[in-house]
Full PDB file with SEQRES, HELIX, SHEET, SSBOND, CRYST1, ORIGX, SCALE, CONECT and MASTER records, all heavy atoms in Angstrom:
SEQRES   1 A   31  LEU ARG PHE ASP THR VAL GLY ASN ARG ALA LEU SER ASP          
SEQRES   2 A   31  LEU ALA SER LEU PHE THR ARG GLN LYS LEU LYS THR PHE          
SEQRES   3 A   31  ILE VAL SER PRO ASN                                          
HELIX    1 AA1 LEU A   11  LEU A   14  1                                   4    
CRYST1    1.000    1.000    1.000  90.00  90.00  90.00 P 1           1          
ORIGX1      1.000000  0.000000  0.000000        0.00000                         
ORIGX2      0.000000  1.000000  0.000000        0.00000                         
ORIGX3      0.000000  0.000000  1.000000        0.00000                         
SCALE1      1.000000  0.000000  0.000000        0.00000                         
SCALE2      0.000000  1.000000  0.000000        0.00000                         
SCALE3      0.000000  0.000000  1.000000        0.00000                         
ATOM      1  N   LEU A   1      23.585 -10.774  -2.744  1.00  0.00           N  
ATOM      2  CA  LEU A   1      22.222 -10.274  -2.659  1.00  0.00           C  
ATOM      3  C   LEU A   1      21.279 -11.364  -3.134  1.00  0.00           C  
ATOM      4  O   LEU A   1      21.534 -12.029  -4.119  1.00  0.00           O  
ATOM      5  CB  LEU A   1      22.055  -9.029  -3.537  1.00  0.00           C  
ATOM      6  CG  LEU A   1      20.673  -8.412  -3.612  1.00  0.00           C  
ATOM      7  CD1 LEU A   1      20.284  -7.840  -2.257  1.00  0.00           C  
ATOM      8  CD2 LEU A   1      20.636  -7.335  -4.661  1.00  0.00           C  
ATOM      9  N   ARG A   2      20.187 -11.522  -2.430  1.00  0.00           N  
ATOM     10  CA  ARG A   2      19.187 -12.512  -2.808  1.00  0.00           C  
ATOM     11  C   ARG A   2      17.805 -11.935  -2.544  1.00  0.00           C  
ATOM     12  O   ARG A   2      17.523 -11.483  -1.453  1.00  0.00           O  
ATOM     13  CB  ARG A   2      19.374 -13.785  -1.991  1.00  0.00           C  
ATOM     14  CG  ARG A   2      18.383 -14.837  -2.360  1.00  0.00           C  
ATOM     15  CD  ARG A   2      18.563 -16.076  -1.495  1.00  0.00           C  
ATOM     16  NE  ARG A   2      17.449 -16.951  -1.670  1.00  0.00           N  
ATOM     17  CZ  ARG A   2      16.286 -16.839  -1.055  1.00  0.00           C  
ATOM     18  NH1 ARG A   2      16.089 -15.888  -0.189  1.00  0.00           N  
ATOM     19  NH2 ARG A   2      15.309 -17.669  -1.297  1.00  0.00           N  
ATOM     20  N   PHE A   3      16.967 -11.965  -3.561  1.00  0.00           N  
ATOM     21  CA  PHE A   3      15.576 -11.543  -3.414  1.00  0.00           C  
ATOM     22  C   PHE A   3      14.714 -12.790  -3.382  1.00  0.00           C  
ATOM     23  O   PHE A   3      14.738 -13.592  -4.305  1.00  0.00           O  
ATOM     24  CB  PHE A   3      15.117 -10.674  -4.598  1.00  0.00           C  
ATOM     25  CG  PHE A   3      15.508  -9.238  -4.476  1.00  0.00           C  
ATOM     26  CD1 PHE A   3      16.515  -8.718  -5.259  1.00  0.00           C  
ATOM     27  CD2 PHE A   3      14.863  -8.408  -3.576  1.00  0.00           C  
ATOM     28  CE1 PHE A   3      16.876  -7.389  -5.160  1.00  0.00           C  
ATOM     29  CE2 PHE A   3      15.215  -7.082  -3.466  1.00  0.00           C  
ATOM     30  CZ  PHE A   3      16.232  -6.568  -4.261  1.00  0.00           C  
ATOM     31  N   ASP A   4      13.953 -12.946  -2.337  1.00  0.00           N  
ATOM     32  CA  ASP A   4      13.020 -14.060  -2.226  1.00  0.00           C  
ATOM     33  C   ASP A   4      11.635 -13.500  -2.508  1.00  0.00           C  
ATOM     34  O   ASP A   4      11.021 -12.883  -1.658  1.00  0.00           O  
ATOM     35  CB  ASP A   4      13.087 -14.675  -0.836  1.00  0.00           C  
ATOM     36  CG  ASP A   4      12.158 -15.867  -0.672  1.00  0.00           C  
ATOM     37  OD1 ASP A   4      11.422 -16.187  -1.627  1.00  0.00           O  
ATOM     38  OD2 ASP A   4      12.165 -16.462   0.409  1.00  0.00           O  
ATOM     39  N   THR A   5      11.152 -13.717  -3.712  1.00  0.00           N  
ATOM     40  CA  THR A   5       9.855 -13.154  -4.089  1.00  0.00           C  
ATOM     41  C   THR A   5       8.698 -14.039  -3.680  1.00  0.00           C  
ATOM     42  O   THR A   5       7.553 -13.641  -3.785  1.00  0.00           O  
ATOM     43  CB  THR A   5       9.787 -12.920  -5.613  1.00  0.00           C  
ATOM     44  OG1 THR A   5       9.990 -14.159  -6.279  1.00  0.00           O  
ATOM     45  CG2 THR A   5      10.838 -11.911  -6.048  1.00  0.00           C  
ATOM     46  N   VAL A   6       9.022 -15.245  -3.210  1.00  0.00           N  
ATOM     47  CA  VAL A   6       7.976 -16.181  -2.818  1.00  0.00           C  
ATOM     48  C   VAL A   6       7.868 -16.298  -1.311  1.00  0.00           C  
ATOM     49  O   VAL A   6       6.789 -16.446  -0.754  1.00  0.00           O  
ATOM     50  CB  VAL A   6       8.223 -17.572  -3.458  1.00  0.00           C  
ATOM     51  CG1 VAL A   6       7.164 -18.555  -3.028  1.00  0.00           C  
ATOM     52  CG2 VAL A   6       8.281 -17.454  -4.967  1.00  0.00           C  
ATOM     53  N   GLY A   7       8.994 -16.247  -0.620  1.00  0.00           N  
ATOM     54  CA  GLY A   7       8.989 -16.344   0.833  1.00  0.00           C  
ATOM     55  C   GLY A   7       8.810 -17.747   1.350  1.00  0.00           C  
ATOM     56  O   GLY A   7       8.206 -17.965   2.383  1.00  0.00           O  
ATOM     57  N   ASN A   8       9.373 -18.728   0.640  1.00  0.00           N  
ATOM     58  CA  ASN A   8       9.184 -20.113   1.056  1.00  0.00           C  
ATOM     59  C   ASN A   8      10.406 -20.706   1.759  1.00  0.00           C  
ATOM     60  O   ASN A   8      10.467 -21.902   1.969  1.00  0.00           O  
ATOM     61  CB  ASN A   8       8.780 -20.990  -0.134  1.00  0.00           C  
ATOM     62  CG  ASN A   8       9.838 -21.033  -1.212  1.00  0.00           C  
ATOM     63  OD1 ASN A   8      10.824 -20.315  -1.161  1.00  0.00           O  
ATOM     64  ND2 ASN A   8       9.623 -21.869  -2.203  1.00  0.00           N  
ATOM     65  N   ARG A   9      11.373 -19.881   2.129  1.00  0.00           N  
ATOM     66  CA  ARG A   9      12.548 -20.352   2.864  1.00  0.00           C  
ATOM     67  C   ARG A   9      12.626 -19.599   4.192  1.00  0.00           C  
ATOM     68  O   ARG A   9      12.383 -18.405   4.255  1.00  0.00           O  
ATOM     69  CB  ARG A   9      13.847 -20.077   2.101  1.00  0.00           C  
ATOM     70  CG  ARG A   9      13.967 -20.781   0.772  1.00  0.00           C  
ATOM     71  CD  ARG A   9      13.880 -22.287   0.874  1.00  0.00           C  
ATOM     72  NE  ARG A   9      14.906 -22.885   1.680  1.00  0.00           N  
ATOM     73  CZ  ARG A   9      15.746 -23.800   1.260  1.00  0.00           C  
ATOM     74  NH1 ARG A   9      15.704 -24.201   0.008  1.00  0.00           N  
ATOM     75  NH2 ARG A   9      16.609 -24.330   2.072  1.00  0.00           N  
ATOM     76  N   ALA A  10      12.996 -20.310   5.231  1.00  0.00           N  
ATOM     77  CA  ALA A  10      13.176 -19.685   6.545  1.00  0.00           C  
ATOM     78  C   ALA A  10      14.493 -18.917   6.553  1.00  0.00           C  
ATOM     79  O   ALA A  10      15.456 -19.309   5.894  1.00  0.00           O  
ATOM     80  CB  ALA A  10      13.194 -20.759   7.629  1.00  0.00           C  
ATOM     81  N   LEU A  11      14.545 -17.829   7.293  1.00  0.00           N  
ATOM     82  CA  LEU A  11      15.782 -17.065   7.394  1.00  0.00           C  
ATOM     83  C   LEU A  11      16.915 -17.920   7.946  1.00  0.00           C  
ATOM     84  O   LEU A  11      18.070 -17.748   7.574  1.00  0.00           O  
ATOM     85  CB  LEU A  11      15.577 -15.827   8.272  1.00  0.00           C  
ATOM     86  CG  LEU A  11      14.736 -14.714   7.660  1.00  0.00           C  
ATOM     87  CD1 LEU A  11      14.582 -13.567   8.639  1.00  0.00           C  
ATOM     88  CD2 LEU A  11      15.334 -14.224   6.361  1.00  0.00           C  
ATOM     89  N   SER A  12      16.604 -18.858   8.832  1.00  0.00           N  
ATOM     90  CA  SER A  12      17.637 -19.723   9.403  1.00  0.00           C  
ATOM     91  C   SER A  12      18.277 -20.620   8.344  1.00  0.00           C  
ATOM     92  O   SER A  12      19.392 -21.105   8.530  1.00  0.00           O  
ATOM     93  CB  SER A  12      17.057 -20.565  10.529  1.00  0.00           C  
ATOM     94  OG  SER A  12      16.011 -21.386  10.033  1.00  0.00           O  
ATOM     95  N   ASP A  13      17.597 -20.856   7.209  1.00  0.00           N  
ATOM     96  CA  ASP A  13      18.177 -21.633   6.112  1.00  0.00           C  
ATOM     97  C   ASP A  13      19.262 -20.833   5.396  1.00  0.00           C  
ATOM     98  O   ASP A  13      20.143 -21.399   4.769  1.00  0.00           O  
ATOM     99  CB  ASP A  13      17.111 -21.994   5.060  1.00  0.00           C  
ATOM    100  CG  ASP A  13      16.123 -23.028   5.548  1.00  0.00           C  
ATOM    101  OD1 ASP A  13      16.411 -23.693   6.566  1.00  0.00           O  
ATOM    102  OD2 ASP A  13      15.072 -23.160   4.906  1.00  0.00           O  
ATOM    103  N   LEU A  14      19.162 -19.502   5.465  1.00  0.00           N  
ATOM    104  CA  LEU A  14      20.012 -18.643   4.639  1.00  0.00           C  
ATOM    105  C   LEU A  14      21.174 -18.025   5.380  1.00  0.00           C  
ATOM    106  O   LEU A  14      22.117 -17.558   4.748  1.00  0.00           O  
ATOM    107  CB  LEU A  14      19.157 -17.528   4.029  1.00  0.00           C  
ATOM    108  CG  LEU A  14      17.916 -17.998   3.286  1.00  0.00           C  
ATOM    109  CD1 LEU A  14      17.059 -16.825   2.886  1.00  0.00           C  
ATOM    110  CD2 LEU A  14      18.322 -18.805   2.080  1.00  0.00           C  
ATOM    111  N   ALA A  15      21.139 -17.950   6.691  1.00  0.00           N  
ATOM    112  CA  ALA A  15      22.210 -17.280   7.420  1.00  0.00           C  
ATOM    113  C   ALA A  15      22.443 -17.971   8.757  1.00  0.00           C  
ATOM    114  O   ALA A  15      21.529 -18.480   9.375  1.00  0.00           O  
ATOM    115  CB  ALA A  15      21.859 -15.810   7.641  1.00  0.00           C  
ATOM    116  N   SER A  16      23.671 -17.930   9.172  1.00  0.00           N  
ATOM    117  CA  SER A  16      24.058 -18.512  10.451  1.00  0.00           C  
ATOM    118  C   SER A  16      24.072 -17.418  11.513  1.00  0.00           C  
ATOM    119  O   SER A  16      24.254 -16.236  11.211  1.00  0.00           O  
ATOM    120  CB  SER A  16      25.458 -19.120  10.318  1.00  0.00           C  
ATOM    121  OG  SER A  16      25.993 -19.386  11.597  1.00  0.00           O  
ATOM    122  N   LEU A  17      23.912 -17.817  12.768  1.00  0.00           N  
ATOM    123  CA  LEU A  17      24.027 -16.854  13.864  1.00  0.00           C  
ATOM    124  C   LEU A  17      25.454 -16.342  13.996  1.00  0.00           C  
ATOM    125  O   LEU A  17      25.694 -15.299  14.584  1.00  0.00           O  
ATOM    126  CB  LEU A  17      23.594 -17.512  15.179  1.00  0.00           C  
ATOM    127  CG  LEU A  17      22.118 -17.881  15.288  1.00  0.00           C  
ATOM    128  CD1 LEU A  17      21.868 -18.646  16.588  1.00  0.00           C  
ATOM    129  CD2 LEU A  17      21.248 -16.643  15.229  1.00  0.00           C  
ATOM    130  N   PHE A  18      26.412 -17.097  13.442  1.00  0.00           N  
ATOM    131  CA  PHE A  18      27.829 -16.762  13.594  1.00  0.00           C  
ATOM    132  C   PHE A  18      28.411 -16.130  12.338  1.00  0.00           C  
ATOM    133  O   PHE A  18      29.560 -16.348  11.997  1.00  0.00           O  
ATOM    134  CB  PHE A  18      28.615 -18.028  13.957  1.00  0.00           C  
ATOM    135  CG  PHE A  18      28.048 -18.729  15.157  1.00  0.00           C  
ATOM    136  CD1 PHE A  18      27.320 -19.899  15.010  1.00  0.00           C  
ATOM    137  CD2 PHE A  18      28.202 -18.200  16.420  1.00  0.00           C  
ATOM    138  CE1 PHE A  18      26.787 -20.543  16.114  1.00  0.00           C  
ATOM    139  CE2 PHE A  18      27.659 -18.829  17.531  1.00  0.00           C  
ATOM    140  CZ  PHE A  18      26.957 -20.002  17.379  1.00  0.00           C  
ATOM    141  N   THR A  19      27.633 -15.349  11.663  1.00  0.00           N  
ATOM    142  CA  THR A  19      28.090 -14.684  10.443  1.00  0.00           C  
ATOM    143  C   THR A  19      27.827 -13.194  10.541  1.00  0.00           C  
ATOM    144  O   THR A  19      27.037 -12.739  11.357  1.00  0.00           O  
ATOM    145  CB  THR A  19      27.371 -15.263   9.206  1.00  0.00           C  
ATOM    146  OG1 THR A  19      27.930 -14.663   8.035  1.00  0.00           O  
ATOM    147  CG2 THR A  19      25.891 -14.976   9.228  1.00  0.00           C  
ATOM    148  N   ARG A  20      28.489 -12.457   9.696  1.00  0.00           N  
ATOM    149  CA  ARG A  20      28.289 -11.004   9.660  1.00  0.00           C  
ATOM    150  C   ARG A  20      27.289 -10.599   8.586  1.00  0.00           C  
ATOM    151  O   ARG A  20      27.119  -9.432   8.308  1.00  0.00           O  
ATOM    152  CB  ARG A  20      29.617 -10.305   9.409  1.00  0.00           C  
ATOM    153  CG  ARG A  20      30.555 -10.434  10.572  1.00  0.00           C  
ATOM    154  CD  ARG A  20      31.788  -9.633  10.341  1.00  0.00           C  
ATOM    155  NE  ARG A  20      32.612  -9.670  11.532  1.00  0.00           N  
ATOM    156  CZ  ARG A  20      33.816  -9.171  11.627  1.00  0.00           C  
ATOM    157  NH1 ARG A  20      34.349  -8.596  10.570  1.00  0.00           N  
ATOM    158  NH2 ARG A  20      34.498  -9.248  12.734  1.00  0.00           N  
ATOM    159  N   GLN A  21      26.631 -11.572   7.999  1.00  0.00           N  
ATOM    160  CA  GLN A  21      25.632 -11.260   6.976  1.00  0.00           C  
ATOM    161  C   GLN A  21      24.530 -10.406   7.573  1.00  0.00           C  
ATOM    162  O   GLN A  21      24.113 -10.607   8.706  1.00  0.00           O  
ATOM    163  CB  GLN A  21      24.999 -12.533   6.420  1.00  0.00           C  
ATOM    164  CG  GLN A  21      25.867 -13.288   5.473  1.00  0.00           C  
ATOM    165  CD  GLN A  21      25.125 -14.507   4.965  1.00  0.00           C  
ATOM    166  OE1 GLN A  21      24.700 -15.345   5.751  1.00  0.00           O  
ATOM    167  NE2 GLN A  21      24.983 -14.597   3.663  1.00  0.00           N  
ATOM    168  N   LYS A  22      24.054  -9.476   6.777  1.00  0.00           N  
ATOM    169  CA  LYS A  22      22.925  -8.649   7.186  1.00  0.00           C  
ATOM    170  C   LYS A  22      21.700  -9.112   6.425  1.00  0.00           C  
ATOM    171  O   LYS A  22      21.732  -9.288   5.218  1.00  0.00           O  
ATOM    172  CB  LYS A  22      23.202  -7.177   6.874  1.00  0.00           C  
ATOM    173  CG  LYS A  22      24.311  -6.585   7.691  1.00  0.00           C  
ATOM    174  CD  LYS A  22      24.510  -5.131   7.336  1.00  0.00           C  
ATOM    175  CE  LYS A  22      25.654  -4.554   8.144  1.00  0.00           C  
ATOM    176  NZ  LYS A  22      25.881  -3.145   7.821  1.00  0.00           N  
ATOM    177  N   LEU A  23      20.636  -9.309   7.144  1.00  0.00           N  
ATOM    178  CA  LEU A  23      19.375  -9.683   6.529  1.00  0.00           C  
ATOM    179  C   LEU A  23      18.410  -8.519   6.663  1.00  0.00           C  
ATOM    180  O   LEU A  23      18.232  -7.970   7.741  1.00  0.00           O  
ATOM    181  CB  LEU A  23      18.794 -10.924   7.209  1.00  0.00           C  
ATOM    182  CG  LEU A  23      19.653 -12.174   7.118  1.00  0.00           C  
ATOM    183  CD1 LEU A  23      19.042 -13.277   7.962  1.00  0.00           C  
ATOM    184  CD2 LEU A  23      19.788 -12.627   5.675  1.00  0.00           C  
ATOM    185  N   LYS A  24      17.830  -8.145   5.573  1.00  0.00           N  
ATOM    186  CA  LYS A  24      16.887  -7.035   5.556  1.00  0.00           C  
ATOM    187  C   LYS A  24      15.589  -7.485   4.914  1.00  0.00           C  
ATOM    188  O   LYS A  24      15.593  -8.241   3.953  1.00  0.00           O  
ATOM    189  CB  LYS A  24      17.440  -5.858   4.751  1.00  0.00           C  
ATOM    190  CG  LYS A  24      18.743  -5.300   5.249  1.00  0.00           C  
ATOM    191  CD  LYS A  24      18.499  -4.240   6.252  1.00  0.00           C  
ATOM    192  CE  LYS A  24      19.836  -3.631   6.639  1.00  0.00           C  
ATOM    193  NZ  LYS A  24      19.726  -2.656   7.635  1.00  0.00           N  
ATOM    194  N   THR A  25      14.505  -6.995   5.419  1.00  0.00           N  
ATOM    195  CA  THR A  25      13.206  -7.231   4.807  1.00  0.00           C  
ATOM    196  C   THR A  25      12.924  -6.070   3.863  1.00  0.00           C  
ATOM    197  O   THR A  25      13.137  -4.913   4.198  1.00  0.00           O  
ATOM    198  CB  THR A  25      12.114  -7.310   5.884  1.00  0.00           C  
ATOM    199  OG1 THR A  25      12.447  -8.356   6.786  1.00  0.00           O  
ATOM    200  CG2 THR A  25      10.772  -7.591   5.262  1.00  0.00           C  
ATOM    201  N   PHE A  26      12.460  -6.415   2.695  1.00  0.00           N  
ATOM    202  CA  PHE A  26      12.163  -5.414   1.679  1.00  0.00           C  
ATOM    203  C   PHE A  26      10.732  -5.618   1.236  1.00  0.00           C  
ATOM    204  O   PHE A  26      10.379  -6.671   0.717  1.00  0.00           O  
ATOM    205  CB  PHE A  26      13.130  -5.589   0.497  1.00  0.00           C  
ATOM    206  CG  PHE A  26      12.873  -4.655  -0.637  1.00  0.00           C  
ATOM    207  CD1 PHE A  26      13.261  -3.328  -0.559  1.00  0.00           C  
ATOM    208  CD2 PHE A  26      12.250  -5.100  -1.782  1.00  0.00           C  
ATOM    209  CE1 PHE A  26      13.031  -2.467  -1.622  1.00  0.00           C  
ATOM    210  CE2 PHE A  26      12.019  -4.250  -2.843  1.00  0.00           C  
ATOM    211  CZ  PHE A  26      12.417  -2.927  -2.760  1.00  0.00           C  
ATOM    212  N   ILE A  27       9.906  -4.631   1.486  1.00  0.00           N  
ATOM    213  CA  ILE A  27       8.496  -4.721   1.098  1.00  0.00           C  
ATOM    214  C   ILE A  27       8.215  -3.630   0.073  1.00  0.00           C  
ATOM    215  O   ILE A  27       8.519  -2.463   0.300  1.00  0.00           O  
ATOM    216  CB  ILE A  27       7.572  -4.564   2.321  1.00  0.00           C  
ATOM    217  CG1 ILE A  27       7.852  -5.687   3.322  1.00  0.00           C  
ATOM    218  CG2 ILE A  27       6.112  -4.553   1.899  1.00  0.00           C  
ATOM    219  CD1 ILE A  27       7.121  -5.544   4.627  1.00  0.00           C  
ATOM    220  N   VAL A  28       7.667  -4.050  -1.033  1.00  0.00           N  
ATOM    221  CA  VAL A  28       7.368  -3.099  -2.101  1.00  0.00           C  
ATOM    222  C   VAL A  28       6.080  -2.367  -1.788  1.00  0.00           C  
ATOM    223  O   VAL A  28       5.076  -2.964  -1.417  1.00  0.00           O  
ATOM    224  CB  VAL A  28       7.236  -3.834  -3.449  1.00  0.00           C  
ATOM    225  CG1 VAL A  28       6.801  -2.872  -4.542  1.00  0.00           C  
ATOM    226  CG2 VAL A  28       8.542  -4.502  -3.810  1.00  0.00           C  
ATOM    227  N   SER A  29       6.130  -1.094  -1.954  1.00  0.00           N  
ATOM    228  CA  SER A  29       4.965  -0.244  -1.783  1.00  0.00           C  
ATOM    229  C   SER A  29       4.849   0.613  -3.041  1.00  0.00           C  
ATOM    230  O   SER A  29       5.415   1.696  -3.113  1.00  0.00           O  
ATOM    231  CB  SER A  29       5.177   0.652  -0.560  1.00  0.00           C  
ATOM    232  OG  SER A  29       4.044   0.738   0.207  1.00  0.00           O  
ATOM    233  N   PRO A  30       4.187   0.089  -4.078  1.00  0.00           N  
ATOM    234  CA  PRO A  30       4.159   0.826  -5.343  1.00  0.00           C  
ATOM    235  C   PRO A  30       3.503   2.189  -5.193  1.00  0.00           C  
ATOM    236  O   PRO A  30       2.552   2.356  -4.438  1.00  0.00           O  
ATOM    237  CB  PRO A  30       3.349  -0.058  -6.276  1.00  0.00           C  
ATOM    238  CG  PRO A  30       2.770  -1.147  -5.464  1.00  0.00           C  
ATOM    239  CD  PRO A  30       3.381  -1.101  -4.109  1.00  0.00           C  
ATOM    240  N   ASN A  31       4.068   3.133  -5.913  1.00  0.00           N  
ATOM    241  CA  ASN A  31       3.478   4.473  -5.945  1.00  0.00           C  
ATOM    242  C   ASN A  31       3.422   4.935  -7.398  1.00  0.00           C  
ATOM    243  O   ASN A  31       3.976   4.296  -8.288  1.00  0.00           O  
ATOM    244  CB  ASN A  31       4.290   5.442  -5.073  1.00  0.00           C  
ATOM    245  CG  ASN A  31       5.737   5.544  -5.521  1.00  0.00           C  
ATOM    246  OD1 ASN A  31       6.007   5.848  -6.671  1.00  0.00           O  
ATOM    247  ND2 ASN A  31       6.659   5.257  -4.610  1.00  0.00           N  
TER     248      ASN A  31                                                      
MASTER        0    0    0    1    0    0    0    6  247    1    0    3          
END                                                                             
């Protein structure tokens, strides 16, 4: 698990097209 709180890395830096890794976007919506 990796949380990128800054967003300064491209998704292509973190995962290959030939992997089973799942990439999810997580946006905080405080309530």
